[in-house]
Amino acid sequence: MVLGPEGGSGMNENTDREVGRILIPAAVQEDFHAENRVYRTCAYCRVSTDSEEQMSSFELQNEHYRNLAGKHPNWDLRHIYAEM
């Protein structure tokens, strides 16, 4: 230990002990794949132009979200929103 000019440790007294700290525990993270809870879900598909390729993109996006929700029995796919 290094002594300061006054004979003390040279450290602030508050650094030697915890003063006024309140520890808040982290919240328990939910397992979104657990089947004991049903999640209401929705999806959002977007098509940026009126071209034919973009329409097939919309269909692929729509199919993707339906398949994804179908793989999770606790997901209740309520609606697929679309912007075209």
N, C-alpha and C. Protein backbone atom coordinates (compact mmCIF):
# COMPACT_ATOMS: atom_id res chain seq x y z
N MET A 1 0.85 -1.17 0.00
CA MET A 1 0.00 0.00 0.00
C MET A 1 0.90 1.24 0.00
N VAL A 2 0.54 2.21 -0.81
CA VAL A 2 1.27 3.47 -0.89
C VAL A 2 0.56 4.48 -0.01
N LEU A 3 1.31 5.16 0.84
CA LEU A 3 0.72 6.15 1.73
C LEU A 3 0.78 7.53 1.09
N GLY A 4 -0.30 8.29 1.27
CA GLY A 4 -0.34 9.66 0.76
C GLY A 4 0.38 10.60 1.71
N PRO A 5 0.45 11.89 1.35
CA PRO A 5 1.18 12.85 2.18
C PRO A 5 0.60 13.02 3.58
N GLU A 6 -0.65 12.72 3.79
CA GLU A 6 -1.26 12.87 5.11
C GLU A 6 -1.15 11.57 5.91
N GLY A 7 -0.50 10.57 5.35
CA GLY A 7 -0.38 9.30 6.05
C GLY A 7 -1.49 8.32 5.71
N GLY A 8 -2.51 8.76 4.92
CA GLY A 8 -3.60 7.87 4.52
C GLY A 8 -3.21 7.10 3.27
N SER A 9 -4.15 6.34 2.76
CA SER A 9 -3.86 5.50 1.59
C SER A 9 -3.82 6.30 0.30
N GLY A 10 -4.27 7.54 0.31
CA GLY A 10 -4.29 8.33 -0.91
C GLY A 10 -5.53 8.08 -1.75
N MET A 11 -6.40 7.18 -1.32
CA MET A 11 -7.62 6.86 -2.06
C MET A 11 -8.80 7.55 -1.41
N ASN A 12 -9.81 7.82 -2.18
CA ASN A 12 -11.04 8.38 -1.64
C ASN A 12 -11.67 7.35 -0.72
N GLU A 13 -12.15 7.78 0.38
CA GLU A 13 -12.73 6.86 1.36
C GLU A 13 -13.89 6.05 0.78
N ASN A 14 -14.64 6.62 -0.17
CA ASN A 14 -15.79 5.93 -0.77
C ASN A 14 -15.37 4.79 -1.68
N THR A 15 -14.12 4.79 -2.16
CA THR A 15 -13.70 3.69 -3.02
C THR A 15 -13.35 2.45 -2.23
N ASP A 16 -13.14 2.59 -0.94
CA ASP A 16 -12.79 1.45 -0.10
C ASP A 16 -14.01 0.63 0.30
N ARG A 17 -15.20 1.16 0.16
CA ARG A 17 -16.43 0.45 0.52
C ARG A 17 -17.55 0.91 -0.40
N GLU A 18 -18.54 0.05 -0.53
CA GLU A 18 -19.70 0.41 -1.36
C GLU A 18 -20.61 1.32 -0.57
N VAL A 19 -21.01 2.42 -1.19
CA VAL A 19 -21.86 3.39 -0.51
C VAL A 19 -23.10 3.62 -1.37
N GLY A 20 -24.27 3.29 -0.82
CA GLY A 20 -25.53 3.62 -1.47
C GLY A 20 -25.81 2.92 -2.78
N ARG A 21 -25.25 1.77 -3.02
CA ARG A 21 -25.52 1.07 -4.27
C ARG A 21 -26.70 0.13 -4.09
N ILE A 22 -27.60 0.15 -5.04
CA ILE A 22 -28.72 -0.77 -5.06
C ILE A 22 -28.59 -1.62 -6.30
N LEU A 23 -28.53 -2.91 -6.13
CA LEU A 23 -28.42 -3.81 -7.27
C LEU A 23 -29.80 -4.29 -7.67
N ILE A 24 -30.12 -4.10 -8.94
CA ILE A 24 -31.39 -4.56 -9.48
C ILE A 24 -31.11 -5.80 -10.32
N PRO A 25 -31.69 -6.93 -9.96
CA PRO A 25 -31.41 -8.16 -10.70
C PRO A 25 -31.99 -8.09 -12.11
N ALA A 26 -31.33 -8.75 -13.04
CA ALA A 26 -31.81 -8.79 -14.42
C ALA A 26 -33.12 -9.57 -14.49
N ALA A 27 -33.98 -9.14 -15.40
CA ALA A 27 -35.25 -9.85 -15.60
C ALA A 27 -34.98 -11.18 -16.28
N VAL A 28 -35.77 -12.16 -15.94
CA VAL A 28 -35.64 -13.47 -16.55
C VAL A 28 -36.08 -13.37 -18.01
N GLN A 29 -35.24 -13.84 -18.92
CA GLN A 29 -35.56 -13.78 -20.35
C GLN A 29 -36.54 -14.89 -20.70
N GLU A 30 -37.55 -14.54 -21.49
CA GLU A 30 -38.54 -15.52 -21.90
C GLU A 30 -37.98 -16.37 -23.04
N ASP A 31 -38.38 -17.62 -23.05
CA ASP A 31 -38.02 -18.51 -24.15
C ASP A 31 -39.17 -18.44 -25.15
N PHE A 32 -38.93 -17.76 -26.27
CA PHE A 32 -39.97 -17.57 -27.27
C PHE A 32 -40.33 -18.86 -28.00
N HIS A 33 -39.56 -19.89 -27.78
CA HIS A 33 -39.85 -21.17 -28.41
C HIS A 33 -40.57 -22.13 -27.47
N ALA A 34 -40.75 -21.72 -26.22
CA ALA A 34 -41.46 -22.55 -25.26
C ALA A 34 -42.93 -22.65 -25.67
N GLU A 35 -43.49 -23.81 -25.55
CA GLU A 35 -44.85 -24.03 -26.02
C GLU A 35 -45.91 -23.76 -24.97
N ASN A 36 -45.53 -23.30 -23.79
CA ASN A 36 -46.51 -23.07 -22.73
C ASN A 36 -47.18 -21.71 -22.84
N ARG A 37 -46.84 -20.92 -23.85
CA ARG A 37 -47.46 -19.61 -24.03
C ARG A 37 -47.69 -19.37 -25.51
N VAL A 38 -48.83 -18.79 -25.85
CA VAL A 38 -49.15 -18.51 -27.26
C VAL A 38 -48.88 -17.03 -27.52
N TYR A 39 -48.17 -16.77 -28.59
CA TYR A 39 -47.84 -15.40 -28.99
C TYR A 39 -48.67 -15.01 -30.21
N ARG A 40 -49.39 -13.91 -30.09
CA ARG A 40 -50.11 -13.37 -31.25
C ARG A 40 -49.09 -12.63 -32.09
N THR A 41 -48.99 -13.00 -33.35
CA THR A 41 -47.97 -12.42 -34.22
C THR A 41 -48.60 -11.83 -35.47
N CYS A 42 -47.84 -10.99 -36.13
CA CYS A 42 -48.22 -10.47 -37.43
C CYS A 42 -46.93 -10.32 -38.23
N ALA A 43 -47.08 -10.11 -39.51
CA ALA A 43 -45.92 -9.94 -40.39
C ALA A 43 -46.16 -8.72 -41.27
N TYR A 44 -45.08 -8.24 -41.83
CA TYR A 44 -45.14 -7.05 -42.69
C TYR A 44 -44.37 -7.36 -43.97
N CYS A 45 -45.06 -7.28 -45.10
CA CYS A 45 -44.43 -7.48 -46.41
C CYS A 45 -44.46 -6.15 -47.15
N ARG A 46 -43.39 -5.91 -47.89
CA ARG A 46 -43.31 -4.63 -48.60
C ARG A 46 -42.81 -4.87 -50.01
N VAL A 47 -43.48 -4.23 -50.96
CA VAL A 47 -43.08 -4.26 -52.36
C VAL A 47 -42.84 -2.82 -52.76
N SER A 48 -41.66 -2.54 -53.32
CA SER A 48 -41.30 -1.15 -53.58
C SER A 48 -41.70 -0.64 -54.95
N THR A 49 -41.96 -1.52 -55.92
CA THR A 49 -42.35 -1.05 -57.26
C THR A 49 -43.52 -1.87 -57.76
N ASP A 50 -44.07 -1.47 -58.91
CA ASP A 50 -45.20 -2.18 -59.50
C ASP A 50 -44.77 -3.25 -60.50
N SER A 51 -43.48 -3.52 -60.59
CA SER A 51 -43.01 -4.48 -61.58
C SER A 51 -43.46 -5.91 -61.24
N GLU A 52 -43.50 -6.77 -62.25
CA GLU A 52 -43.93 -8.16 -62.07
C GLU A 52 -43.01 -8.92 -61.12
N GLU A 53 -41.69 -8.62 -61.17
CA GLU A 53 -40.75 -9.28 -60.27
C GLU A 53 -41.07 -8.98 -58.81
N GLN A 54 -41.49 -7.76 -58.56
CA GLN A 54 -41.80 -7.38 -57.18
C GLN A 54 -43.06 -8.08 -56.68
N MET A 55 -44.00 -8.35 -57.58
CA MET A 55 -45.21 -9.08 -57.16
C MET A 55 -44.85 -10.50 -56.73
N SER A 56 -43.91 -11.13 -57.44
CA SER A 56 -43.49 -12.47 -57.01
C SER A 56 -42.72 -12.37 -55.69
N SER A 57 -42.02 -11.25 -55.47
CA SER A 57 -41.33 -11.03 -54.21
C SER A 57 -42.35 -10.96 -53.07
N PHE A 58 -43.46 -10.29 -53.32
CA PHE A 58 -44.51 -10.21 -52.30
C PHE A 58 -45.04 -11.60 -51.98
N GLU A 59 -45.29 -12.39 -53.00
CA GLU A 59 -45.79 -13.75 -52.78
C GLU A 59 -44.78 -14.58 -51.99
N LEU A 60 -43.49 -14.42 -52.29
CA LEU A 60 -42.46 -15.16 -51.56
C LEU A 60 -42.38 -14.71 -50.10
N GLN A 61 -42.49 -13.41 -49.87
CA GLN A 61 -42.48 -12.91 -48.50
C GLN A 61 -43.67 -13.45 -47.71
N ASN A 62 -44.82 -13.42 -48.33
CA ASN A 62 -46.05 -13.90 -47.70
C ASN A 62 -45.90 -15.38 -47.35
N GLU A 63 -45.41 -16.18 -48.28
CA GLU A 63 -45.21 -17.60 -48.05
C GLU A 63 -44.19 -17.85 -46.95
N HIS A 64 -43.11 -17.05 -46.96
CA HIS A 64 -42.07 -17.19 -45.94
C HIS A 64 -42.64 -17.02 -44.53
N TYR A 65 -43.42 -15.95 -44.33
CA TYR A 65 -43.95 -15.68 -43.00
C TYR A 65 -44.98 -16.73 -42.57
N ARG A 66 -45.78 -17.21 -43.51
CA ARG A 66 -46.74 -18.27 -43.17
C ARG A 66 -46.01 -19.56 -42.78
N ASN A 67 -44.95 -19.90 -43.53
CA ASN A 67 -44.16 -21.10 -43.19
C ASN A 67 -43.46 -20.94 -41.85
N LEU A 68 -42.90 -19.76 -41.60
CA LEU A 68 -42.21 -19.51 -40.34
C LEU A 68 -43.17 -19.67 -39.15
N ALA A 69 -44.34 -19.07 -39.26
CA ALA A 69 -45.33 -19.19 -38.18
C ALA A 69 -45.80 -20.63 -38.04
N GLY A 70 -45.88 -21.35 -39.15
CA GLY A 70 -46.31 -22.73 -39.10
C GLY A 70 -45.32 -23.64 -38.39
N LYS A 71 -44.06 -23.25 -38.34
CA LYS A 71 -43.03 -24.04 -37.65
C LYS A 71 -43.04 -23.83 -36.15
N HIS A 72 -43.79 -22.85 -35.68
CA HIS A 72 -43.86 -22.54 -34.25
C HIS A 72 -45.31 -22.71 -33.79
N PRO A 73 -45.62 -23.83 -33.17
CA PRO A 73 -47.01 -24.08 -32.79
C PRO A 73 -47.58 -23.08 -31.79
N ASN A 74 -46.72 -22.34 -31.11
CA ASN A 74 -47.23 -21.36 -30.14
C ASN A 74 -47.32 -19.95 -30.74
N TRP A 75 -47.15 -19.82 -32.05
CA TRP A 75 -47.33 -18.53 -32.73
C TRP A 75 -48.70 -18.53 -33.39
N ASP A 76 -49.50 -17.55 -33.08
CA ASP A 76 -50.80 -17.37 -33.71
C ASP A 76 -50.68 -16.21 -34.69
N LEU A 77 -50.48 -16.53 -35.97
CA LEU A 77 -50.31 -15.49 -37.00
C LEU A 77 -51.67 -14.86 -37.26
N ARG A 78 -51.84 -13.64 -36.81
CA ARG A 78 -53.12 -12.96 -36.89
C ARG A 78 -53.33 -12.27 -38.23
N HIS A 79 -52.27 -11.66 -38.76
CA HIS A 79 -52.45 -10.86 -39.99
C HIS A 79 -51.11 -10.66 -40.67
N ILE A 80 -51.14 -10.57 -41.97
CA ILE A 80 -49.95 -10.17 -42.73
C ILE A 80 -50.27 -8.83 -43.37
N TYR A 81 -49.56 -7.83 -42.93
CA TYR A 81 -49.75 -6.48 -43.47
C TYR A 81 -48.91 -6.35 -44.73
N ALA A 82 -49.43 -5.61 -45.70
CA ALA A 82 -48.73 -5.46 -46.96
C ALA A 82 -48.75 -4.01 -47.41
N GLU A 83 -47.62 -3.60 -47.94
CA GLU A 83 -47.52 -2.26 -48.53
C GLU A 83 -47.06 -2.45 -49.96
N MET A 84 -47.93 -2.06 -50.88
CA MET A 84 -47.59 -2.24 -52.30
C MET A 84 -47.76 -0.94 -53.06
